Amino acid sequence: MVSLTSSTSSSPINLPLSGNGVVASHSTILGWDASKSPVIGYNIYRTPATHEAWSKVNSSPIITTSYTDWDVQSGGAYLFAVTAVSVENVESGFSNATVAAVP
């Protein structure tokens, strides 16, 4: 089983536009323990905290045990889950879900 944790952050980035401006960039940082079985990577799934349909956020398996999701909205709350992908390309069930509230 994969165990999942999360944290959120908000940091300013400079916009490459004429004039002055700063926009808040929001992210959620996820981390989990590595699978004890051989895997080729992990898939990350997200849903709004209102429990809509789960959506996979990565296009190919992630080979590390952390992921930063930059596609979250300020003031939003999300549920995240991770699956492991075996060397036979079989996906495990979902990990425990973790909640991330974005400031």
C-alpha atoms as a PDB file:
ATOM      1  CA  MET A   1       0.000   0.000   0.000  1.00  0.00           C
ATOM      2  CA  VAL A   2       1.197   3.506  -0.769  1.00  0.00           C
ATOM      3  CA  SER A   3       0.905   6.078   2.029  1.00  0.00           C
ATOM      4  CA  LEU A   4       0.311   9.662   0.871  1.00  0.00           C
ATOM      5  CA  THR A   5       0.893  13.067   2.495  1.00  0.00           C
ATOM      6  CA  SER A   6       0.441  16.594   1.165  1.00  0.00           C
ATOM      7  CA  SER A   7       1.281  20.217   1.817  1.00  0.00           C
ATOM      8  CA  THR A   8       0.247  23.392   0.044  1.00  0.00           C
ATOM      9  CA  SER A   9       2.064  26.577  -0.769  1.00  0.00           C
ATOM     10  CA  SER A  10       1.489  29.935  -2.342  1.00  0.00           C
ATOM     11  CA  SER A  11       4.414  31.851  -3.773  1.00  0.00           C
ATOM     12  CA  PRO A  12       4.664  34.942  -5.958  1.00  0.00           C
ATOM     13  CA  ILE A  13       6.094  34.724  -9.455  1.00  0.00           C
ATOM     14  CA  ASN A  14       6.929  37.608 -11.749  1.00  0.00           C
ATOM     15  CA  LEU A  15       4.829  37.885 -14.885  1.00  0.00           C
ATOM     16  CA  PRO A  16       6.724  38.380 -18.168  1.00  0.00           C
ATOM     17  CA  LEU A  17       4.436  41.270 -19.195  1.00  0.00           C
ATOM     18  CA  SER A  18       4.985  44.962 -19.692  1.00  0.00           C
ATOM     19  CA  GLY A  19       4.162  46.974 -16.599  1.00  0.00           C
ATOM     20  CA  ASN A  20       4.330  45.736 -13.032  1.00  0.00           C
ATOM     21  CA  GLY A  21       2.551  42.717 -11.661  1.00  0.00           C
ATOM     22  CA  VAL A  22       2.854  39.684  -9.472  1.00  0.00           C
ATOM     23  CA  VAL A  23       0.512  36.724  -9.452  1.00  0.00           C
ATOM     24  CA  ALA A  24       0.147  34.135  -6.717  1.00  0.00           C
ATOM     25  CA  SER A  25       1.082  30.677  -7.908  1.00  0.00           C
ATOM     26  CA  HIS A  26      -0.528  27.909  -5.885  1.00  0.00           C
ATOM     27  CA  SER A  27       0.651  24.355  -5.599  1.00  0.00           C
ATOM     28  CA  THR A  28       0.205  21.179  -3.627  1.00  0.00           C
ATOM     29  CA  ILE A  29       3.229  19.056  -2.817  1.00  0.00           C
ATOM     30  CA  LEU A  30       2.547  15.341  -2.443  1.00  0.00           C
ATOM     31  CA  GLY A  31       4.865  12.713  -1.031  1.00  0.00           C
ATOM     32  CA  TRP A  32       4.496   8.984  -0.398  1.00  0.00           C
ATOM     33  CA  ASP A  33       6.457   5.934   0.677  1.00  0.00           C
ATOM     34  CA  ALA A  34       7.928   3.794  -2.087  1.00  0.00           C
ATOM     35  CA  SER A  35       6.184   0.547  -2.933  1.00  0.00           C
ATOM     36  CA  LYS A  36       7.793  -2.571  -1.480  1.00  0.00           C
ATOM     37  CA  SER A  37       7.090  -4.362  -4.778  1.00  0.00           C
ATOM     38  CA  PRO A  38       9.006  -3.574  -7.986  1.00  0.00           C
ATOM     39  CA  VAL A  39       7.279  -0.712  -9.825  1.00  0.00           C
ATOM     40  CA  ILE A  40       7.928   1.425 -12.881  1.00  0.00           C
ATOM     41  CA  GLY A  41       6.316   4.455 -11.249  1.00  0.00           C
ATOM     42  CA  TYR A  42       3.212   5.992  -9.744  1.00  0.00           C
ATOM     43  CA  ASN A  43       0.053   7.715 -10.965  1.00  0.00           C
ATOM     44  CA  ILE A  44      -1.515  10.673  -9.152  1.00  0.00           C
ATOM     45  CA  TYR A  45      -5.285  11.148  -9.039  1.00  0.00           C
ATOM     46  CA  ARG A  46      -7.163  14.290  -7.942  1.00  0.00           C
ATOM     47  CA  THR A  47     -10.762  15.241  -7.296  1.00  0.00           C
ATOM     48  CA  PRO A  48     -12.284  18.358  -5.771  1.00  0.00           C
ATOM     49  CA  ALA A  49     -13.154  17.790  -2.118  1.00  0.00           C
ATOM     50  CA  THR A  50     -16.800  17.678  -3.251  1.00  0.00           C
ATOM     51  CA  HIS A  51     -16.018  14.088  -4.374  1.00  0.00           C
ATOM     52  CA  GLU A  52     -16.505  14.439  -8.094  1.00  0.00           C
ATOM     53  CA  ALA A  53     -14.886  11.975 -10.500  1.00  0.00           C
ATOM     54  CA  TRP A  54     -11.179  11.216  -9.981  1.00  0.00           C
ATOM     55  CA  SER A  55      -8.846  12.493 -12.715  1.00  0.00           C
ATOM     56  CA  LYS A  56      -5.311  11.287 -13.366  1.00  0.00           C
ATOM     57  CA  VAL A  57      -3.009  14.324 -13.312  1.00  0.00           C
ATOM     58  CA  ASN A  58       0.140  12.821 -14.854  1.00  0.00           C
ATOM     59  CA  SER A  59       0.503  11.555 -18.424  1.00  0.00           C
ATOM     60  CA  SER A  60       3.054   8.829 -17.658  1.00  0.00           C
ATOM     61  CA  PRO A  61       4.125   7.104 -14.441  1.00  0.00           C
ATOM     62  CA  ILE A  62       6.151   9.284 -12.073  1.00  0.00           C
ATOM     63  CA  ILE A  63       9.388   7.579 -11.047  1.00  0.00           C
ATOM     64  CA  THR A  64       9.959   9.538  -7.829  1.00  0.00           C
ATOM     65  CA  THR A  65       7.941   9.474  -4.593  1.00  0.00           C
ATOM     66  CA  SER A  66       6.891  13.111  -4.740  1.00  0.00           C
ATOM     67  CA  TYR A  67       4.894  15.341  -7.035  1.00  0.00           C
ATOM     68  CA  THR A  68       4.034  19.045  -7.129  1.00  0.00           C
ATOM     69  CA  ASP A  69       0.605  19.791  -8.571  1.00  0.00           C
ATOM     70  CA  TRP A  70       0.589  23.339  -9.963  1.00  0.00           C
ATOM     71  CA  ASP A  71      -2.941  23.005 -11.342  1.00  0.00           C
ATOM     72  CA  VAL A  72      -4.875  23.826  -8.161  1.00  0.00           C
ATOM     73  CA  GLN A  73      -6.969  26.914  -7.485  1.00  0.00           C
ATOM     74  CA  SER A  74      -6.689  29.348  -4.590  1.00  0.00           C
ATOM     75  CA  GLY A  75      -9.360  28.674  -2.000  1.00  0.00           C
ATOM     76  CA  GLY A  76      -9.968  25.176  -3.334  1.00  0.00           C
ATOM     77  CA  ALA A  77      -9.820  21.880  -1.484  1.00  0.00           C
ATOM     78  CA  TYR A  78      -8.799  18.677  -3.225  1.00  0.00           C
ATOM     79  CA  LEU A  79      -8.473  14.986  -2.501  1.00  0.00           C
ATOM     80  CA  PHE A  80      -5.426  13.151  -3.849  1.00  0.00           C
ATOM     81  CA  ALA A  81      -4.626   9.457  -4.166  1.00  0.00           C
ATOM     82  CA  VAL A  82      -1.678   7.557  -5.634  1.00  0.00           C
ATOM     83  CA  THR A  83      -1.431   4.220  -7.408  1.00  0.00           C
ATOM     84  CA  ALA A  84       1.653   2.136  -8.088  1.00  0.00           C
ATOM     85  CA  VAL A  85       2.327   0.757 -11.580  1.00  0.00           C
ATOM     86  CA  SER A  86       4.039  -2.647 -11.572  1.00  0.00           C
ATOM     87  CA  VAL A  87       6.790  -3.751 -13.957  1.00  0.00           C
ATOM     88  CA  GLU A  88       4.024  -5.708 -15.750  1.00  0.00           C
ATOM     89  CA  ASN A  89       2.246  -2.348 -16.264  1.00  0.00           C
ATOM     90  CA  VAL A  90      -0.579  -3.271 -13.855  1.00  0.00           C
ATOM     91  CA  GLU A  91      -1.937  -0.425 -11.728  1.00  0.00           C
ATOM     92  CA  SER A  92      -2.621  -0.959  -8.022  1.00  0.00           C
ATOM     93  CA  GLY A  93      -5.679   0.238  -6.170  1.00  0.00           C
ATOM     94  CA  PHE A  94      -5.779   3.761  -4.749  1.00  0.00           C
ATOM     95  CA  SER A  95      -3.734   4.705  -1.713  1.00  0.00           C
ATOM     96  CA  ASN A  96      -5.415   6.368   1.214  1.00  0.00           C
ATOM     97  CA  ALA A  97      -6.776   9.759   0.093  1.00  0.00           C
ATOM     98  CA  THR A  98      -5.301  12.929   1.502  1.00  0.00           C
ATOM     99  CA  VAL A  99      -6.901  16.375   1.551  1.00  0.00           C
ATOM    100  CA  ALA A 100      -5.102  19.520   0.455  1.00  0.00           C
ATOM    101  CA  ALA A 101      -6.683  22.911   1.144  1.00  0.00           C
ATOM    102  CA  VAL A 102      -5.095  25.608  -1.025  1.00  0.00           C
ATOM    103  CA  PRO A 103      -4.776  29.036   0.629  1.00  0.00           C
END
